[in-house]
Amino acid sequence: MHHAWQDKPYGVVPALPDRTAIVPIRGAGCNMLSPALNNRRSEHILQYAEDDSAYCRGALMTGMTTIRDLLGGEAVVGPLRDDGDLVRLVRRGVPTSAVDHFLAAAGLSFNAIDRSVLNRRTFKRRQDAAQPLDQGESDRLIRLVSVVATANDVFGDADKANGWLARPSRALDGETPLAMADTDRGARAVEALLGRIAHGIAA
């Protein structure tokens, strides 16, 4: 799957005091920027916030669309346009049907979320009672969905993204990106690595 924003050339914003120009990292979310340092393959990655970039807003919308689709679409989880919508979804609880949609779309078995999100017995109980996930479970699920969505947007192909997520990575100390995403800190490390890949710095 190819997105129009992927064709947009890297835009350079005014240089920082140390003459380090910064550019958006595609596929890594709206507020992810890194220094060009006159060399796009620089190993030195710093991130800065830029809330008013139309380019970044486009990347954010792409990410939200991917998250929404992985969860079964607007009919299942409601509109997802920004972080505020995601927070509201987490607070009211992700429907169990969205979990099924996500696992199917990501090509994952329930084992992938059994320890990091919720166990099968709890999920079955919520499913039978037509209850959504609680806030903690929903938050952990959205964290994982966000990582998968970022990988999909970076690689532009679900099969490639799923393959990368399931392969051990030297950049993650030999863990798979999916395994690393079981904590908030780990998920951030995976998203940072995806940002480097989108920027052409890591494989």
N, C-alpha and C. Protein backbone atom coordinates (compact mmCIF):
# COMPACT_ATOMS: atom_id res chain seq x y z
N MET A 1 0.84 -1.18 0.00
CA MET A 1 0.00 0.00 0.00
C MET A 1 0.88 1.24 0.00
N HIS A 2 0.63 2.14 -0.93
CA HIS A 2 1.46 3.33 -1.06
C HIS A 2 0.62 4.55 -0.72
N HIS A 3 1.20 5.48 0.03
CA HIS A 3 0.49 6.68 0.43
C HIS A 3 1.09 7.88 -0.28
N ALA A 4 0.22 8.83 -0.62
CA ALA A 4 0.68 10.02 -1.34
C ALA A 4 1.73 10.79 -0.56
N TRP A 5 1.58 10.79 0.80
CA TRP A 5 2.54 11.57 1.59
C TRP A 5 3.94 11.01 1.50
N GLN A 6 4.06 9.71 1.10
CA GLN A 6 5.40 9.13 0.99
C GLN A 6 6.18 9.73 -0.17
N ASP A 7 5.46 10.34 -1.14
CA ASP A 7 6.11 10.93 -2.29
C ASP A 7 6.61 12.35 -1.99
N LYS A 8 6.17 12.90 -0.87
CA LYS A 8 6.54 14.27 -0.55
C LYS A 8 8.03 14.32 -0.18
N PRO A 9 8.79 15.21 -0.83
CA PRO A 9 10.21 15.30 -0.49
C PRO A 9 10.40 15.82 0.93
N TYR A 10 11.51 15.47 1.51
CA TYR A 10 11.79 15.93 2.86
C TYR A 10 11.88 17.45 2.84
N GLY A 11 11.13 18.08 3.75
CA GLY A 11 11.19 19.52 3.86
C GLY A 11 12.17 19.89 4.94
N VAL A 12 12.95 20.93 4.73
CA VAL A 12 13.94 21.34 5.72
C VAL A 12 13.46 22.63 6.36
N VAL A 13 13.40 22.65 7.66
CA VAL A 13 12.98 23.84 8.39
C VAL A 13 14.21 24.65 8.73
N PRO A 14 14.04 25.89 9.16
CA PRO A 14 15.21 26.73 9.45
C PRO A 14 16.20 26.04 10.38
N ALA A 15 17.48 26.32 10.16
CA ALA A 15 18.53 25.65 10.91
C ALA A 15 18.49 26.03 12.38
N LEU A 16 18.88 25.08 13.23
CA LEU A 16 19.01 25.34 14.64
C LEU A 16 20.29 26.15 14.87
N PRO A 17 20.45 26.67 16.10
CA PRO A 17 21.66 27.48 16.36
C PRO A 17 22.95 26.78 16.01
N ASP A 18 23.01 25.46 16.13
CA ASP A 18 24.25 24.76 15.81
C ASP A 18 24.31 24.35 14.34
N ARG A 19 23.43 24.94 13.54
CA ARG A 19 23.37 24.72 12.10
C ARG A 19 22.93 23.31 11.74
N THR A 20 22.25 22.67 12.65
CA THR A 20 21.70 21.36 12.36
C THR A 20 20.29 21.53 11.81
N ALA A 21 20.09 21.23 10.55
CA ALA A 21 18.75 21.33 9.97
C ALA A 21 17.95 20.12 10.37
N ILE A 22 16.63 20.26 10.53
CA ILE A 22 15.81 19.13 10.92
C ILE A 22 14.77 18.84 9.86
N VAL A 23 14.42 17.58 9.74
CA VAL A 23 13.46 17.14 8.73
C VAL A 23 12.51 16.14 9.35
N PRO A 24 11.27 16.06 8.85
CA PRO A 24 10.33 15.08 9.41
C PRO A 24 10.75 13.66 9.10
N ILE A 25 10.50 12.75 10.05
CA ILE A 25 10.69 11.32 9.82
C ILE A 25 9.36 10.76 9.36
N ARG A 26 9.29 10.29 8.15
CA ARG A 26 8.03 9.77 7.63
C ARG A 26 7.63 8.49 8.35
N GLY A 27 6.33 8.38 8.63
CA GLY A 27 5.80 7.17 9.21
C GLY A 27 5.97 7.06 10.70
N ALA A 28 6.61 8.05 11.33
CA ALA A 28 6.87 7.94 12.76
C ALA A 28 5.96 8.84 13.59
N GLY A 29 4.95 9.44 12.96
CA GLY A 29 4.03 10.27 13.72
C GLY A 29 4.32 11.74 13.51
N CYS A 30 3.40 12.58 13.96
CA CYS A 30 3.48 14.01 13.64
C CYS A 30 4.67 14.71 14.26
N ASN A 31 5.00 14.40 15.49
CA ASN A 31 6.01 15.19 16.19
C ASN A 31 7.40 14.60 16.12
N MET A 32 7.64 13.73 15.15
CA MET A 32 8.94 13.08 15.06
C MET A 32 9.79 13.78 14.01
N LEU A 33 10.87 14.41 14.43
CA LEU A 33 11.78 15.08 13.51
C LEU A 33 13.19 14.64 13.84
N SER A 34 14.08 14.68 12.86
CA SER A 34 15.47 14.34 13.13
C SER A 34 16.38 15.29 12.41
N PRO A 35 17.62 15.46 12.89
CA PRO A 35 18.54 16.39 12.25
C PRO A 35 19.09 15.83 10.95
N ALA A 36 19.16 16.68 9.95
CA ALA A 36 19.74 16.24 8.68
C ALA A 36 21.26 16.22 8.77
N LEU A 37 21.84 17.19 9.48
CA LEU A 37 23.30 17.26 9.65
C LEU A 37 24.00 17.21 8.29
N ASN A 38 23.31 17.73 7.26
CA ASN A 38 23.83 17.72 5.90
C ASN A 38 24.10 16.31 5.40
N ASN A 39 23.53 15.30 6.07
CA ASN A 39 23.75 13.91 5.68
C ASN A 39 22.57 13.10 6.20
N ARG A 40 21.67 12.68 5.30
CA ARG A 40 20.46 12.00 5.73
C ARG A 40 20.73 10.64 6.35
N ARG A 41 21.93 10.12 6.20
CA ARG A 41 22.26 8.81 6.77
C ARG A 41 23.05 8.96 8.07
N SER A 42 23.03 10.18 8.63
CA SER A 42 23.73 10.38 9.90
C SER A 42 23.21 9.44 10.97
N GLU A 43 24.13 8.94 11.79
CA GLU A 43 23.74 8.06 12.89
C GLU A 43 23.23 8.84 14.09
N HIS A 44 23.35 10.17 14.06
CA HIS A 44 22.95 10.97 15.21
C HIS A 44 21.51 11.41 15.04
N ILE A 45 20.61 10.78 15.81
CA ILE A 45 19.19 11.07 15.68
C ILE A 45 18.70 11.84 16.90
N LEU A 46 18.22 13.03 16.65
CA LEU A 46 17.58 13.81 17.70
C LEU A 46 16.17 14.08 17.23
N GLN A 47 15.26 14.24 18.15
CA GLN A 47 13.87 14.44 17.77
C GLN A 47 13.35 15.76 18.34
N TYR A 48 12.59 16.45 17.53
CA TYR A 48 12.06 17.73 17.94
C TYR A 48 10.57 17.77 17.63
N ALA A 49 9.86 18.64 18.30
CA ALA A 49 8.42 18.77 18.08
C ALA A 49 8.16 19.91 17.10
N GLU A 50 7.25 19.66 16.18
CA GLU A 50 6.80 20.70 15.25
C GLU A 50 5.32 20.46 15.01
N ASP A 51 4.48 21.18 15.73
CA ASP A 51 3.05 20.91 15.72
C ASP A 51 2.34 21.52 14.51
N ASP A 52 2.96 22.51 13.85
CA ASP A 52 2.23 23.23 12.82
C ASP A 52 2.65 22.82 11.41
N SER A 53 3.31 21.70 11.27
CA SER A 53 3.76 21.26 9.95
C SER A 53 2.64 20.53 9.22
N ALA A 54 2.27 20.99 8.05
CA ALA A 54 1.23 20.31 7.26
C ALA A 54 1.70 18.92 6.87
N TYR A 55 3.00 18.81 6.63
CA TYR A 55 3.56 17.49 6.29
C TYR A 55 3.34 16.51 7.44
N CYS A 56 3.66 16.96 8.65
CA CYS A 56 3.49 16.09 9.81
C CYS A 56 2.04 15.77 10.06
N ARG A 57 1.16 16.74 9.85
CA ARG A 57 -0.27 16.48 10.04
C ARG A 57 -0.73 15.40 9.08
N GLY A 58 -0.20 15.41 7.86
CA GLY A 58 -0.56 14.38 6.89
C GLY A 58 -0.11 13.00 7.35
N ALA A 59 1.11 12.93 7.90
CA ALA A 59 1.62 11.65 8.40
C ALA A 59 0.79 11.17 9.57
N LEU A 60 0.38 12.11 10.46
CA LEU A 60 -0.44 11.73 11.61
C LEU A 60 -1.77 11.17 11.16
N MET A 61 -2.40 11.83 10.18
CA MET A 61 -3.69 11.35 9.69
C MET A 61 -3.56 9.97 9.06
N THR A 62 -2.45 9.76 8.33
CA THR A 62 -2.21 8.45 7.75
C THR A 62 -2.11 7.40 8.84
N GLY A 63 -1.37 7.71 9.92
CA GLY A 63 -1.22 6.78 11.03
C GLY A 63 -2.55 6.48 11.70
N MET A 64 -3.36 7.51 11.92
CA MET A 64 -4.66 7.31 12.54
C MET A 64 -5.57 6.46 11.67
N THR A 65 -5.51 6.68 10.37
CA THR A 65 -6.32 5.89 9.44
C THR A 65 -5.91 4.42 9.50
N THR A 66 -4.61 4.18 9.57
CA THR A 66 -4.12 2.80 9.65
C THR A 66 -4.55 2.14 10.96
N ILE A 67 -4.44 2.86 12.06
CA ILE A 67 -4.88 2.33 13.36
C ILE A 67 -6.37 1.99 13.30
N ARG A 68 -7.16 2.92 12.78
CA ARG A 68 -8.61 2.70 12.68
C ARG A 68 -8.91 1.47 11.85
N ASP A 69 -8.23 1.32 10.72
CA ASP A 69 -8.49 0.17 9.85
C ASP A 69 -8.08 -1.14 10.50
N LEU A 70 -6.95 -1.13 11.23
CA LEU A 70 -6.51 -2.35 11.92
C LEU A 70 -7.51 -2.79 12.98
N LEU A 71 -8.24 -1.84 13.52
CA LEU A 71 -9.21 -2.14 14.57
C LEU A 71 -10.61 -2.43 14.04
N GLY A 72 -10.76 -2.45 12.71
CA GLY A 72 -12.05 -2.80 12.13
C GLY A 72 -12.84 -1.66 11.55
N GLY A 73 -12.27 -0.45 11.58
CA GLY A 73 -12.93 0.68 10.96
C GLY A 73 -13.81 1.47 11.92
N GLU A 74 -14.35 2.55 11.41
CA GLU A 74 -15.16 3.47 12.21
C GLU A 74 -16.41 2.82 12.76
N ALA A 75 -16.96 1.85 12.05
CA ALA A 75 -18.17 1.17 12.52
C ALA A 75 -17.91 0.40 13.81
N VAL A 76 -16.66 0.03 14.04
CA VAL A 76 -16.31 -0.76 15.24
C VAL A 76 -15.81 0.14 16.37
N VAL A 77 -14.94 1.09 16.06
CA VAL A 77 -14.29 1.88 17.12
C VAL A 77 -14.65 3.36 17.08
N GLY A 78 -15.47 3.76 16.13
CA GLY A 78 -15.79 5.17 16.03
C GLY A 78 -14.72 5.94 15.28
N PRO A 79 -14.89 7.26 15.14
CA PRO A 79 -13.90 8.06 14.40
C PRO A 79 -12.59 8.16 15.16
N LEU A 80 -11.49 8.03 14.42
CA LEU A 80 -10.16 8.21 14.99
C LEU A 80 -9.40 9.20 14.12
N ARG A 81 -9.41 10.45 14.55
CA ARG A 81 -8.76 11.50 13.77
C ARG A 81 -7.48 12.01 14.41
N ASP A 82 -7.40 11.87 15.74
CA ASP A 82 -6.24 12.42 16.44
C ASP A 82 -6.06 11.70 17.77
N ASP A 83 -5.06 12.13 18.54
CA ASP A 83 -4.78 11.49 19.81
C ASP A 83 -5.95 11.60 20.79
N GLY A 84 -6.70 12.70 20.69
CA GLY A 84 -7.85 12.86 21.56
C GLY A 84 -8.87 11.76 21.35
N ASP A 85 -9.10 11.39 20.09
CA ASP A 85 -10.04 10.30 19.80
C ASP A 85 -9.51 8.98 20.34
N LEU A 86 -8.19 8.77 20.25
CA LEU A 86 -7.60 7.54 20.78
C LEU A 86 -7.75 7.47 22.30
N VAL A 87 -7.54 8.59 22.96
CA VAL A 87 -7.69 8.63 24.42
C VAL A 87 -9.13 8.30 24.80
N ARG A 88 -10.09 8.87 24.09
CA ARG A 88 -11.49 8.59 24.39
C ARG A 88 -11.82 7.12 24.16
N LEU A 89 -11.25 6.53 23.11
CA LEU A 89 -11.46 5.11 22.86
C LEU A 89 -10.91 4.27 24.00
N VAL A 90 -9.73 4.60 24.45
CA VAL A 90 -9.11 3.86 25.56
C VAL A 90 -9.97 3.98 26.82
N ARG A 91 -10.47 5.18 27.09
CA ARG A 91 -11.25 5.40 28.31
C ARG A 91 -12.58 4.65 28.29
N ARG A 92 -13.21 4.59 27.13
CA ARG A 92 -14.50 3.87 27.11
C ARG A 92 -14.32 2.37 26.89
N GLY A 93 -13.12 1.96 26.45
CA GLY A 93 -12.81 0.55 26.28
C GLY A 93 -12.91 0.10 24.83
N VAL A 94 -11.87 -0.57 24.37
CA VAL A 94 -11.86 -1.10 23.00
C VAL A 94 -12.79 -2.31 22.93
N PRO A 95 -13.69 -2.37 21.94
CA PRO A 95 -14.58 -3.52 21.81
C PRO A 95 -13.79 -4.80 21.52
N THR A 96 -14.28 -5.92 22.00
CA THR A 96 -13.59 -7.19 21.75
C THR A 96 -13.55 -7.51 20.26
N SER A 97 -14.55 -7.05 19.51
CA SER A 97 -14.54 -7.30 18.06
C SER A 97 -13.37 -6.59 17.40
N ALA A 98 -12.94 -5.46 17.95
CA ALA A 98 -11.78 -4.74 17.41
C ALA A 98 -10.51 -5.55 17.63
N VAL A 99 -10.45 -6.27 18.74
CA VAL A 99 -9.29 -7.13 19.00
C VAL A 99 -9.20 -8.22 17.94
N ASP A 100 -10.33 -8.84 17.64
CA ASP A 100 -10.36 -9.88 16.61
C ASP A 100 -9.93 -9.31 15.26
N HIS A 101 -10.43 -8.13 14.93
CA HIS A 101 -10.06 -7.48 13.66
C HIS A 101 -8.56 -7.24 13.61
N PHE A 102 -8.01 -6.73 14.70
CA PHE A 102 -6.59 -6.42 14.73
C PHE A 102 -5.74 -7.67 14.54
N LEU A 103 -6.04 -8.72 15.28
CA LEU A 103 -5.25 -9.94 15.17
C LEU A 103 -5.29 -10.51 13.76
N ALA A 104 -6.48 -10.47 13.15
CA ALA A 104 -6.61 -10.98 11.78
C ALA A 104 -5.83 -10.11 10.79
N ALA A 105 -5.96 -8.79 10.93
CA ALA A 105 -5.30 -7.87 10.00
C ALA A 105 -3.78 -7.93 10.13
N ALA A 106 -3.30 -8.13 11.36
CA ALA A 106 -1.85 -8.17 11.60
C ALA A 106 -1.27 -9.57 11.44
N GLY A 107 -2.13 -10.55 11.17
CA GLY A 107 -1.66 -11.92 11.01
C GLY A 107 -1.09 -12.49 12.30
N LEU A 108 -1.69 -12.14 13.42
CA LEU A 108 -1.19 -12.58 14.73
C LEU A 108 -2.15 -13.57 15.38
N SER A 109 -1.60 -14.45 16.18
CA SER A 109 -2.43 -15.33 17.00
C SER A 109 -2.70 -14.63 18.33
N PHE A 110 -3.61 -15.15 19.10
CA PHE A 110 -3.91 -14.52 20.39
C PHE A 110 -2.70 -14.57 21.32
N ASN A 111 -1.82 -15.51 21.10
CA ASN A 111 -0.61 -15.60 21.93
C ASN A 111 0.19 -14.31 21.92
N ALA A 112 0.07 -13.55 20.83
CA ALA A 112 0.84 -12.31 20.70
C ALA A 112 0.42 -11.26 21.71
N ILE A 113 -0.82 -11.36 22.21
CA ILE A 113 -1.29 -10.37 23.17
C ILE A 113 -1.63 -10.98 24.53
N ASP A 114 -1.47 -12.30 24.66
CA ASP A 114 -1.90 -12.99 25.86
C ASP A 114 -1.25 -12.45 27.13
N ARG A 115 0.04 -12.15 27.06
CA ARG A 115 0.75 -11.66 28.24
C ARG A 115 0.84 -10.15 28.28
N SER A 116 0.95 -9.53 27.13
CA SER A 116 1.20 -8.09 27.10
C SER A 116 -0.05 -7.24 27.16
N VAL A 117 -1.20 -7.80 26.80
CA VAL A 117 -2.45 -7.02 26.76
C VAL A 117 -3.48 -7.58 27.75
N LEU A 118 -3.94 -8.79 27.51
CA LEU A 118 -4.85 -9.48 28.42
C LEU A 118 -4.84 -10.96 28.08
N ASN A 119 -5.15 -11.80 29.07
CA ASN A 119 -5.11 -13.23 28.82
C ASN A 119 -6.39 -13.70 28.14
N ARG A 120 -6.32 -14.87 27.57
CA ARG A 120 -7.42 -15.40 26.77
C ARG A 120 -8.69 -15.58 27.60
N ARG A 121 -8.53 -16.03 28.84
CA ARG A 121 -9.70 -16.27 29.68
C ARG A 121 -10.46 -14.97 29.95
N THR A 122 -9.71 -13.91 30.26
CA THR A 122 -10.34 -12.61 30.50
C THR A 122 -11.01 -12.09 29.23
N PHE A 123 -10.34 -12.26 28.10
CA PHE A 123 -10.91 -11.82 26.83
C PHE A 123 -12.22 -12.56 26.55
N LYS A 124 -12.22 -13.87 26.76
CA LYS A 124 -13.43 -14.66 26.49
C LYS A 124 -14.57 -14.22 27.41
N ARG A 125 -14.23 -13.92 28.66
CA ARG A 125 -15.26 -13.48 29.60
C ARG A 125 -15.86 -12.15 29.15
N ARG A 126 -15.03 -11.22 28.71
CA ARG A 126 -15.53 -9.93 28.24
C ARG A 126 -16.34 -10.11 26.95
N GLN A 127 -15.88 -10.99 26.10
CA GLN A 127 -16.57 -11.26 24.84
C GLN A 127 -17.96 -11.84 25.11
N ASP A 128 -18.06 -12.81 25.98
CA ASP A 128 -19.34 -13.45 26.29
C ASP A 128 -20.32 -12.47 26.94
N ALA A 129 -19.79 -11.54 27.71
CA ALA A 129 -20.64 -10.56 28.40
C ALA A 129 -20.86 -9.30 27.57
N ALA A 130 -20.33 -9.28 26.34
CA ALA A 130 -20.44 -8.12 25.45
C ALA A 130 -19.88 -6.86 26.12
N GLN A 131 -18.78 -7.03 26.83
CA GLN A 131 -18.11 -5.92 27.49
C GLN A 131 -16.82 -5.56 26.76
N PRO A 132 -16.48 -4.28 26.72
CA PRO A 132 -15.21 -3.89 26.11
C PRO A 132 -14.05 -4.19 27.04
N LEU A 133 -12.85 -4.05 26.55
CA LEU A 133 -11.66 -4.15 27.39
C LEU A 133 -11.69 -3.03 28.41
N ASP A 134 -11.05 -3.24 29.56
CA ASP A 134 -10.98 -2.14 30.52
C ASP A 134 -9.92 -1.14 30.05
N GLN A 135 -9.78 -0.05 30.80
CA GLN A 135 -8.90 1.02 30.34
C GLN A 135 -7.44 0.58 30.21
N GLY A 136 -6.97 -0.17 31.19
CA GLY A 136 -5.58 -0.63 31.13
C GLY A 136 -5.33 -1.56 29.96
N GLU A 137 -6.24 -2.49 29.74
CA GLU A 137 -6.12 -3.42 28.61
C GLU A 137 -6.19 -2.67 27.29
N SER A 138 -7.11 -1.71 27.22
CA SER A 138 -7.27 -0.92 26.00
C SER A 138 -6.02 -0.12 25.69
N ASP A 139 -5.43 0.46 26.74
CA ASP A 139 -4.22 1.25 26.57
C ASP A 139 -3.08 0.38 26.04
N ARG A 140 -2.93 -0.81 26.61
CA ARG A 140 -1.87 -1.71 26.15
C ARG A 140 -2.11 -2.19 24.73
N LEU A 141 -3.37 -2.43 24.39
CA LEU A 141 -3.69 -2.86 23.02
C LEU A 141 -3.37 -1.75 22.02
N ILE A 142 -3.80 -0.54 22.31
CA ILE A 142 -3.56 0.58 21.40
C ILE A 142 -2.07 0.82 21.22
N ARG A 143 -1.29 0.62 22.27
CA ARG A 143 0.17 0.75 22.16
C ARG A 143 0.71 -0.21 21.10
N LEU A 144 0.25 -1.46 21.15
CA LEU A 144 0.70 -2.46 20.19
C LEU A 144 0.17 -2.17 18.79
N VAL A 145 -1.10 -1.78 18.70
CA VAL A 145 -1.70 -1.45 17.40
C VAL A 145 -0.95 -0.28 16.76
N SER A 146 -0.57 0.69 17.56
CA SER A 146 0.15 1.85 17.04
C SER A 146 1.49 1.46 16.44
N VAL A 147 2.19 0.52 17.09
CA VAL A 147 3.46 0.03 16.55
C VAL A 147 3.24 -0.68 15.22
N VAL A 148 2.24 -1.54 15.16
CA VAL A 148 1.93 -2.26 13.92
C VAL A 148 1.53 -1.27 12.82
N ALA A 149 0.74 -0.27 13.18
CA ALA A 149 0.31 0.73 12.20
C ALA A 149 1.50 1.51 11.65
N THR A 150 2.41 1.89 12.54
CA THR A 150 3.61 2.61 12.09
C THR A 150 4.44 1.76 11.15
N ALA A 151 4.58 0.47 11.48
CA ALA A 151 5.33 -0.43 10.60
C ALA A 151 4.65 -0.55 9.24
N ASN A 152 3.33 -0.65 9.22
CA ASN A 152 2.59 -0.73 7.96
C ASN A 152 2.83 0.52 7.11
N ASP A 153 2.80 1.68 7.76
CA ASP A 153 2.97 2.92 7.02
C ASP A 153 4.40 3.09 6.52
N VAL A 154 5.38 2.65 7.32
CA VAL A 154 6.78 2.78 6.91
C VAL A 154 7.11 1.86 5.74
N PHE A 155 6.67 0.60 5.83
CA PHE A 155 7.01 -0.37 4.79
C PHE A 155 6.04 -0.32 3.61
N GLY A 156 4.85 0.25 3.83
CA GLY A 156 3.89 0.38 2.74
C GLY A 156 3.27 -0.92 2.31
N ASP A 157 3.48 -1.98 3.09
CA ASP A 157 2.97 -3.30 2.73
C ASP A 157 2.80 -4.09 4.02
N ALA A 158 1.57 -4.60 4.26
CA ALA A 158 1.29 -5.29 5.52
C ALA A 158 2.14 -6.53 5.70
N ASP A 159 2.36 -7.30 4.62
CA ASP A 159 3.16 -8.52 4.75
C ASP A 159 4.61 -8.20 5.12
N LYS A 160 5.17 -7.19 4.49
CA LYS A 160 6.54 -6.79 4.82
C LYS A 160 6.62 -6.29 6.26
N ALA A 161 5.63 -5.51 6.66
CA ALA A 161 5.61 -4.98 8.02
C ALA A 161 5.50 -6.11 9.03
N ASN A 162 4.59 -7.04 8.78
CA ASN A 162 4.41 -8.16 9.72
C ASN A 162 5.66 -9.02 9.81
N GLY A 163 6.33 -9.22 8.67
CA GLY A 163 7.56 -9.99 8.68
C GLY A 163 8.65 -9.30 9.49
N TRP A 164 8.76 -7.99 9.32
CA TRP A 164 9.77 -7.24 10.07
C TRP A 164 9.47 -7.28 11.57
N LEU A 165 8.22 -7.14 11.92
CA LEU A 165 7.83 -7.12 13.33
C LEU A 165 8.12 -8.44 14.04
N ALA A 166 8.12 -9.53 13.27
CA ALA A 166 8.31 -10.87 13.86
C ALA A 166 9.76 -11.33 13.83
N ARG A 167 10.66 -10.54 13.21
CA ARG A 167 12.08 -10.93 13.12
C ARG A 167 12.90 -10.30 14.23
N PRO A 168 13.78 -11.07 14.85
CA PRO A 168 14.69 -10.48 15.85
C PRO A 168 15.52 -9.38 15.20
N SER A 169 15.76 -8.34 15.97
CA SER A 169 16.51 -7.19 15.45
C SER A 169 17.75 -6.93 16.30
N ARG A 170 18.88 -6.79 15.65
CA ARG A 170 20.10 -6.47 16.38
C ARG A 170 19.98 -5.11 17.07
N ALA A 171 19.24 -4.20 16.44
CA ALA A 171 19.05 -2.87 17.02
C ALA A 171 18.23 -2.90 18.29
N LEU A 172 17.51 -4.02 18.50
CA LEU A 172 16.69 -4.18 19.71
C LEU A 172 17.24 -5.29 20.60
N ASP A 173 18.55 -5.45 20.55
CA ASP A 173 19.23 -6.47 21.37
C ASP A 173 18.72 -7.88 21.11
N GLY A 174 18.41 -8.16 19.86
CA GLY A 174 18.01 -9.50 19.48
C GLY A 174 16.55 -9.83 19.70
N GLU A 175 15.77 -8.90 20.25
CA GLU A 175 14.34 -9.13 20.44
C GLU A 175 13.59 -8.80 19.16
N THR A 176 12.42 -9.40 19.01
CA THR A 176 11.57 -8.99 17.89
C THR A 176 10.89 -7.68 18.26
N PRO A 177 10.58 -6.84 17.27
CA PRO A 177 9.86 -5.60 17.57
C PRO A 177 8.55 -5.84 18.31
N LEU A 178 7.83 -6.91 17.96
CA LEU A 178 6.58 -7.21 18.64
C LEU A 178 6.81 -7.49 20.13
N ALA A 179 7.83 -8.29 20.43
CA ALA A 179 8.13 -8.60 21.82
C ALA A 179 8.56 -7.36 22.58
N MET A 180 9.36 -6.50 21.94
CA MET A 180 9.84 -5.29 22.59
C MET A 180 8.70 -4.33 22.91
N ALA A 181 7.62 -4.40 22.12
CA ALA A 181 6.51 -3.46 22.29
C ALA A 181 5.59 -3.82 23.44
N ASP A 182 6.00 -4.75 24.32
CA ASP A 182 5.14 -5.11 25.45
C ASP A 182 5.22 -4.11 26.59
N THR A 183 6.11 -3.13 26.48
CA THR A 183 6.17 -2.04 27.45
C THR A 183 6.15 -0.72 26.69
N ASP A 184 5.79 0.35 27.38
CA ASP A 184 5.74 1.65 26.73
C ASP A 184 7.11 2.07 26.24
N ARG A 185 8.12 1.85 27.06
CA ARG A 185 9.49 2.21 26.69
C ARG A 185 9.94 1.41 25.47
N GLY A 186 9.63 0.11 25.49
CA GLY A 186 10.00 -0.73 24.36
C GLY A 186 9.29 -0.31 23.08
N ALA A 187 8.01 0.03 23.19
CA ALA A 187 7.27 0.48 22.01
C ALA A 187 7.88 1.75 21.43
N ARG A 188 8.33 2.64 22.31
CA ARG A 188 8.98 3.86 21.82
C ARG A 188 10.28 3.53 21.09
N ALA A 189 11.01 2.54 21.59
CA ALA A 189 12.26 2.14 20.93
C ALA A 189 11.97 1.58 19.54
N VAL A 190 10.90 0.79 19.43
CA VAL A 190 10.53 0.23 18.13
C VAL A 190 10.12 1.35 17.17
N GLU A 191 9.32 2.30 17.66
CA GLU A 191 8.88 3.39 16.80
C GLU A 191 10.06 4.27 16.38
N ALA A 192 11.03 4.45 17.28
CA ALA A 192 12.23 5.21 16.93
C ALA A 192 13.01 4.49 15.83
N LEU A 193 13.11 3.16 15.95
CA LEU A 193 13.81 2.38 14.92
C LEU A 193 13.08 2.47 13.59
N LEU A 194 11.76 2.42 13.62
CA LEU A 194 10.98 2.56 12.40
C LEU A 194 11.19 3.95 11.78
N GLY A 195 11.32 4.94 12.64
CA GLY A 195 11.62 6.29 12.13
C GLY A 195 12.95 6.32 11.41
N ARG A 196 13.95 5.62 11.95
CA ARG A 196 15.26 5.55 11.30
C ARG A 196 15.17 4.83 9.96
N ILE A 197 14.37 3.76 9.92
CA ILE A 197 14.20 3.01 8.68
C ILE A 197 13.52 3.90 7.64
N ALA A 198 12.48 4.61 8.05
CA ALA A 198 11.79 5.50 7.12
C ALA A 198 12.72 6.59 6.59
N HIS A 199 13.69 6.95 7.43
CA HIS A 199 14.63 8.00 7.07
C HIS A 199 15.84 7.45 6.32
N GLY A 200 15.88 6.12 6.13
CA GLY A 200 16.97 5.52 5.36
C GLY A 200 18.23 5.31 6.15
N ILE A 201 18.13 5.25 7.50
CA ILE A 201 19.32 5.16 8.33
C ILE A 201 19.54 3.74 8.86
N ALA A 202 18.48 2.99 9.05
CA ALA A 202 18.61 1.62 9.58
C ALA A 202 17.83 0.66 8.71
N ALA A 203 18.18 -0.62 8.82
CA ALA A 203 17.49 -1.64 8.03
C ALA A 203 16.75 -2.58 8.96
